[in-house]
Amino acid sequence: KYVVQVCRAEACQARGSAALEAHAKSALGCEYHATTTDGNFTLEPAYCLGHCSVGPNIQIGDELYARVSPERFDDLISEKRGAK
């Protein structure tokens, strides 16, 4: 249903994307290139989402999100789970 991309480019890494990546894998219960057991989210790495100055960044579907903390990641996933 949703592809979740976590930016792994150098600028985002400098801003904490490694911790966000680990959190995303734990929160979704899957590794990169895999889909959650409920079939709602597929986790993929990205190698630049183009918002380098405001990382770490993720993209869910066509929507780009900047300055994503683990807490914000959880909020965004919860919002998508609640969407019809």
Protein backbone atom coordinates (compact mmCIF):
# COMPACT_ATOMS: atom_id res chain seq x y z
CA LYS A 1 0.00 0.00 0.00
CA TYR A 2 2.81 2.43 0.96
CA VAL A 3 6.49 2.44 0.07
CA VAL A 4 8.52 3.98 2.89
CA GLN A 5 11.93 5.24 1.79
CA VAL A 6 14.61 6.24 4.30
CA CYS A 7 17.34 8.48 2.89
CA ARG A 8 20.81 7.02 3.33
CA ALA A 9 22.81 9.75 1.58
CA GLU A 10 25.76 11.35 3.38
CA ALA A 11 23.95 14.53 4.40
CA CYS A 12 21.14 12.60 6.04
CA GLN A 13 23.64 10.24 7.66
CA ALA A 14 25.33 13.28 9.21
CA ARG A 15 21.93 14.28 10.60
CA GLY A 16 21.05 10.95 12.19
CA SER A 17 19.56 8.75 9.49
CA ALA A 18 21.36 5.64 10.79
CA ALA A 19 19.37 5.80 14.03
CA LEU A 20 16.19 6.54 12.07
CA GLU A 21 16.89 3.59 9.78
CA ALA A 22 17.29 1.24 12.75
CA HIS A 23 14.11 2.58 14.31
CA ALA A 24 12.15 2.20 11.07
CA LYS A 25 13.23 -1.44 10.72
CA SER A 26 12.26 -2.14 14.32
CA ALA A 27 8.97 -0.23 14.20
CA LEU A 28 7.86 -1.87 10.95
CA GLY A 29 9.27 -5.28 11.84
CA CYS A 30 11.02 -5.73 8.51
CA GLU A 31 14.30 -5.10 6.74
CA TYR A 32 14.91 -3.16 3.54
CA HIS A 33 13.25 -4.60 0.42
CA ALA A 34 10.62 -6.30 2.58
CA THR A 35 6.96 -5.69 3.37
CA THR A 36 5.29 -5.60 6.77
CA THR A 37 3.24 -8.63 7.76
CA ASP A 38 0.01 -6.65 7.31
CA GLY A 39 1.04 -5.78 3.75
CA ASN A 40 0.71 -2.03 4.30
CA PHE A 41 4.33 -0.88 4.17
CA THR A 42 7.37 -1.80 2.10
CA LEU A 43 10.67 -0.44 3.44
CA GLU A 44 13.25 0.75 0.91
CA PRO A 45 16.52 2.67 1.11
CA ALA A 46 16.89 5.90 -0.85
CA TYR A 47 20.18 7.49 -1.77
CA CYS A 48 19.06 11.11 -1.94
CA LEU A 49 15.60 12.57 -1.61
CA GLY A 50 16.87 16.07 -2.43
CA HIS A 51 16.29 17.85 0.88
CA CYS A 52 19.81 17.50 2.19
CA SER A 53 19.78 20.56 4.45
CA VAL A 54 16.75 19.39 6.43
CA GLY A 55 17.47 15.70 7.00
CA PRO A 56 17.01 13.06 7.97
CA ASN A 57 14.32 12.60 5.36
CA ILE A 58 11.83 9.91 4.48
CA GLN A 59 9.30 9.56 1.74
CA ILE A 60 6.03 7.70 2.15
CA GLY A 61 4.35 7.18 -1.18
CA ASP A 62 4.70 10.53 -2.95
CA GLU A 63 5.00 12.58 0.24
CA LEU A 64 8.40 13.81 1.44
CA TYR A 65 9.03 14.47 5.13
CA ALA A 66 12.00 16.38 6.55
CA ARG A 67 13.66 16.40 9.98
CA VAL A 68 12.16 13.04 10.85
CA SER A 69 12.87 11.80 14.36
CA PRO A 70 11.96 8.29 15.50
CA GLU A 71 8.93 9.78 17.27
CA ARG A 72 7.79 11.60 14.13
CA PHE A 73 8.31 8.43 12.12
CA ASP A 74 5.93 6.60 14.46
CA ASP A 75 3.36 9.40 14.16
CA LEU A 76 3.54 9.36 10.35
CA ILE A 77 3.14 5.57 10.20
CA SER A 78 0.20 5.74 12.62
CA GLU A 79 -1.44 8.39 10.43
CA LYS A 80 -1.02 6.21 7.33
CA ARG A 81 -2.39 3.18 9.15
CA GLY A 82 -5.48 5.18 10.02
CA ALA A 83 -5.96 6.47 6.46
CA LYS A 84 -8.61 4.82 4.34
